[in-house]
Amino acid sequence: MKSRYWSRRAIEEGANPKITAAEIMPLEEAKVPLPRALRIRVMVDTAGENTIDDLHSLFTERKGEAKVLFDIERQGDFMVVMEADGYNVLPDRNFIARVEQLCGRGSVRIIS
């Protein structure tokens, strides 16, 4: 495993700021660890007519290795947890942002 660190030196008055890097790599090569499992909350009362179809399309487009659990909830009435068998996804920032557009802010929770 390659180690990377940044250090910032004190900036003297009138001097240009300096940054020291132990390693530099192209962004394409930088690996960001992605979650292995997510929980997505779908509120029955506020879900639109096409929410489930839109989620299905998104999951089909963004296949990956992360497991997905759904929390299907009606506020004050019930909550059901469902495992989405066969719906493993690539849970990067774009995927999470899109799910939150469909299901509401804070509807995605990383569980591992």
C-alpha atoms as a PDB file:
ATOM      1  CA  MET A   1       0.000   0.000   0.000  1.00  0.00           C
ATOM      2  CA  LYS A   2       1.445   3.327  -1.013  1.00  0.00           C
ATOM      3  CA  SER A   3       1.441   5.997   1.622  1.00  0.00           C
ATOM      4  CA  ARG A   4       0.590   9.576   0.752  1.00  0.00           C
ATOM      5  CA  TYR A   5       0.824  12.595   2.933  1.00  0.00           C
ATOM      6  CA  TRP A   6       0.837  16.332   2.590  1.00  0.00           C
ATOM      7  CA  SER A   7       2.582  18.803   4.790  1.00  0.00           C
ATOM      8  CA  ARG A   8       2.214  22.538   4.812  1.00  0.00           C
ATOM      9  CA  ARG A   9       5.114  24.726   5.763  1.00  0.00           C
ATOM     10  CA  ALA A  10       4.703  27.973   7.604  1.00  0.00           C
ATOM     11  CA  ILE A  11       4.073  30.843   5.228  1.00  0.00           C
ATOM     12  CA  GLU A  12       6.407  33.734   5.729  1.00  0.00           C
ATOM     13  CA  GLU A  13       5.053  37.194   5.138  1.00  0.00           C
ATOM     14  CA  GLY A  14       5.433  38.066   1.468  1.00  0.00           C
ATOM     15  CA  ALA A  15       6.592  34.555   0.502  1.00  0.00           C
ATOM     16  CA  ASN A  16       4.745  32.188  -1.807  1.00  0.00           C
ATOM     17  CA  PRO A  17       2.958  29.306  -0.045  1.00  0.00           C
ATOM     18  CA  LYS A  18       4.701  25.927  -0.371  1.00  0.00           C
ATOM     19  CA  ILE A  19       3.287  22.415  -0.345  1.00  0.00           C
ATOM     20  CA  THR A  20       5.380  19.270  -0.136  1.00  0.00           C
ATOM     21  CA  ALA A  21       4.064  15.983  -1.511  1.00  0.00           C
ATOM     22  CA  ALA A  22       5.595  12.575  -0.934  1.00  0.00           C
ATOM     23  CA  GLU A  23       3.798  11.092  -3.939  1.00  0.00           C
ATOM     24  CA  ILE A  24       1.852  12.456  -6.891  1.00  0.00           C
ATOM     25  CA  MET A  25      -0.403  10.350  -9.106  1.00  0.00           C
ATOM     26  CA  PRO A  26      -3.016  11.037 -11.785  1.00  0.00           C
ATOM     27  CA  LEU A  27      -6.593  11.239 -10.496  1.00  0.00           C
ATOM     28  CA  GLU A  28      -7.534   8.353 -12.783  1.00  0.00           C
ATOM     29  CA  GLU A  29      -5.195   6.087 -10.787  1.00  0.00           C
ATOM     30  CA  ALA A  30      -6.293   7.257  -7.323  1.00  0.00           C
ATOM     31  CA  LYS A  31      -8.495   4.589  -5.747  1.00  0.00           C
ATOM     32  CA  VAL A  32     -11.178   5.725  -3.345  1.00  0.00           C
ATOM     33  CA  PRO A  33     -12.533   2.929  -1.155  1.00  0.00           C
ATOM     34  CA  LEU A  34     -16.234   2.523  -1.897  1.00  0.00           C
ATOM     35  CA  PRO A  35     -18.834   1.235   0.556  1.00  0.00           C
ATOM     36  CA  ARG A  36     -19.627  -2.485   0.474  1.00  0.00           C
ATOM     37  CA  ALA A  37     -23.238  -2.073   1.600  1.00  0.00           C
ATOM     38  CA  LEU A  38     -25.913   0.639   1.656  1.00  0.00           C
ATOM     39  CA  ARG A  39     -29.351   1.160   3.140  1.00  0.00           C
ATOM     40  CA  ILE A  40     -31.794   3.227   1.152  1.00  0.00           C
ATOM     41  CA  ARG A  41     -34.882   4.620   2.885  1.00  0.00           C
ATOM     42  CA  VAL A  42     -37.985   4.905   0.714  1.00  0.00           C
ATOM     43  CA  MET A  43     -40.838   6.795   2.338  1.00  0.00           C
ATOM     44  CA  VAL A  44     -44.115   5.381   1.001  1.00  0.00           C
ATOM     45  CA  ASP A  45     -45.993   8.621   1.738  1.00  0.00           C
ATOM     46  CA  THR A  46     -43.634  10.851  -0.267  1.00  0.00           C
ATOM     47  CA  ALA A  47     -42.361   8.535  -3.018  1.00  0.00           C
ATOM     48  CA  GLY A  48     -43.498   9.585  -6.467  1.00  0.00           C
ATOM     49  CA  GLU A  49     -45.253   7.355  -8.975  1.00  0.00           C
ATOM     50  CA  ASN A  50     -42.004   6.616 -10.805  1.00  0.00           C
ATOM     51  CA  THR A  51     -39.602   6.419  -7.844  1.00  0.00           C
ATOM     52  CA  ILE A  52     -39.249   2.622  -7.872  1.00  0.00           C
ATOM     53  CA  ASP A  53     -38.931   2.485 -11.682  1.00  0.00           C
ATOM     54  CA  ASP A  54     -36.302   5.243 -11.586  1.00  0.00           C
ATOM     55  CA  LEU A  55     -34.362   3.407  -8.848  1.00  0.00           C
ATOM     56  CA  HIS A  56     -34.520   0.197 -10.893  1.00  0.00           C
ATOM     57  CA  SER A  57     -33.111   2.006 -13.951  1.00  0.00           C
ATOM     58  CA  LEU A  58     -30.345   3.579 -11.871  1.00  0.00           C
ATOM     59  CA  PHE A  59     -29.408   0.219 -10.331  1.00  0.00           C
ATOM     60  CA  THR A  60     -29.294  -1.365 -13.786  1.00  0.00           C
ATOM     61  CA  GLU A  61     -26.980   1.393 -15.053  1.00  0.00           C
ATOM     62  CA  ARG A  62     -24.687   1.354 -12.000  1.00  0.00           C
ATOM     63  CA  LYS A  63     -24.021  -2.341 -11.386  1.00  0.00           C
ATOM     64  CA  GLY A  64     -21.256  -3.062  -8.898  1.00  0.00           C
ATOM     65  CA  GLU A  65     -20.400  -5.076  -5.816  1.00  0.00           C
ATOM     66  CA  ALA A  66     -22.135  -3.203  -2.985  1.00  0.00           C
ATOM     67  CA  LYS A  67     -25.197  -4.857  -1.419  1.00  0.00           C
ATOM     68  CA  VAL A  68     -28.349  -2.807  -1.002  1.00  0.00           C
ATOM     69  CA  LEU A  69     -30.977  -2.964   1.721  1.00  0.00           C
ATOM     70  CA  PHE A  70     -34.205  -0.991   1.420  1.00  0.00           C
ATOM     71  CA  ASP A  71     -36.000   0.496   4.404  1.00  0.00           C
ATOM     72  CA  ILE A  72     -39.579   0.863   3.145  1.00  0.00           C
ATOM     73  CA  GLU A  73     -41.318   3.137   5.616  1.00  0.00           C
ATOM     74  CA  ARG A  74     -44.659   4.784   6.250  1.00  0.00           C
ATOM     75  CA  GLN A  75     -44.135   7.425   8.930  1.00  0.00           C
ATOM     76  CA  GLY A  76     -45.717   6.376  12.218  1.00  0.00           C
ATOM     77  CA  ASP A  77     -47.142   3.174  10.734  1.00  0.00           C
ATOM     78  CA  PHE A  78     -44.507   0.611   9.678  1.00  0.00           C
ATOM     79  CA  MET A  79     -41.014  -0.032   8.381  1.00  0.00           C
ATOM     80  CA  VAL A  80     -39.947  -3.080   6.392  1.00  0.00           C
ATOM     81  CA  VAL A  81     -36.323  -3.937   5.606  1.00  0.00           C
ATOM     82  CA  MET A  82     -35.821  -5.665   2.272  1.00  0.00           C
ATOM     83  CA  GLU A  83     -32.597  -6.988   0.770  1.00  0.00           C
ATOM     84  CA  ALA A  84     -32.361  -6.183  -2.916  1.00  0.00           C
ATOM     85  CA  ASP A  85     -31.135  -9.549  -4.181  1.00  0.00           C
ATOM     86  CA  GLY A  86     -29.316  -9.120  -7.486  1.00  0.00           C
ATOM     87  CA  TYR A  87     -29.210  -5.324  -7.219  1.00  0.00           C
ATOM     88  CA  ASN A  88     -25.569  -4.853  -6.279  1.00  0.00           C
ATOM     89  CA  VAL A  89     -24.420  -1.368  -7.229  1.00  0.00           C
ATOM     90  CA  LEU A  90     -21.382   0.870  -7.675  1.00  0.00           C
ATOM     91  CA  PRO A  91     -22.017   3.302  -4.779  1.00  0.00           C
ATOM     92  CA  ASP A  92     -19.899   6.297  -5.793  1.00  0.00           C
ATOM     93  CA  ARG A  93     -20.842   9.913  -5.060  1.00  0.00           C
ATOM     94  CA  ASN A  94     -22.849  10.252  -8.274  1.00  0.00           C
ATOM     95  CA  PHE A  95     -24.923   7.177  -7.458  1.00  0.00           C
ATOM     96  CA  ILE A  96     -25.647   8.373  -3.919  1.00  0.00           C
ATOM     97  CA  ALA A  97     -26.546  11.880  -5.145  1.00  0.00           C
ATOM     98  CA  ARG A  98     -28.972  10.436  -7.697  1.00  0.00           C
ATOM     99  CA  VAL A  99     -30.661   8.197  -5.115  1.00  0.00           C
ATOM    100  CA  GLU A 100     -31.047  11.196  -2.801  1.00  0.00           C
ATOM    101  CA  GLN A 101     -32.665  13.152  -5.650  1.00  0.00           C
ATOM    102  CA  LEU A 102     -35.188  10.340  -6.011  1.00  0.00           C
ATOM    103  CA  CYS A 103     -35.757   9.462  -2.334  1.00  0.00           C
ATOM    104  CA  GLY A 104     -34.829  12.616  -0.444  1.00  0.00           C
ATOM    105  CA  ARG A 105     -31.783  13.986   1.278  1.00  0.00           C
ATOM    106  CA  GLY A 106     -30.323  11.627   3.858  1.00  0.00           C
ATOM    107  CA  SER A 107     -32.075   8.597   2.381  1.00  0.00           C
ATOM    108  CA  VAL A 108     -28.796   6.753   1.760  1.00  0.00           C
ATOM    109  CA  ARG A 109     -26.863   5.320   4.687  1.00  0.00           C
ATOM    110  CA  ILE A 110     -23.515   3.593   4.337  1.00  0.00           C
ATOM    111  CA  ILE A 111     -23.415   0.480   6.525  1.00  0.00           C
ATOM    112  CA  SER A 112     -20.009  -0.970   5.623  1.00  0.00           C
END
